[in-house]
Amino acid sequence: DQSSKTEFYYKDAIESWLDSGDLYRFTTAWSRDQEEKIYVQHRLKEHGAEVWEWFENGAYFYICGDKTYMAKDVHRALIEIAIEHGGMSEADATHFIEKTMMKEQKRYLRDVY
């Protein structure tokens, strides 16, 4: 159902980690909680400057789920973040995400099915 009412697993634990400061940020993308669908790639782009800063500081990025749509859309969003916030060309951003992050540094990992 992709709704917070039916699929917000570990909600209590996550909220306690936020309250204690053990977790800095937790952003959801429930596609069925409102009329306009909100997906992971939308949230990433909303926070693009911060995502880019995380990448610059050595963060690891894991994506898990649907390979047909979600993984491709998230991948594209990461390239767009590198263009917009990293000041890269399309070719350089694609190289950064696909070669540097995924293959060389192994900081962008996908478990898609």
Foldseek 3Di string as FASTA:
>chain_A
DLDCVPPVPPVVVVVVCCVVVVDVDDDDQRQPPDDHHGAPLNVCLVCLLVVVVCVVVPAAAEEEEAPPPRVVSNLVSQLVSCVVNVVDDSVVSNCCSPPVCCPPVNRYYYHHD
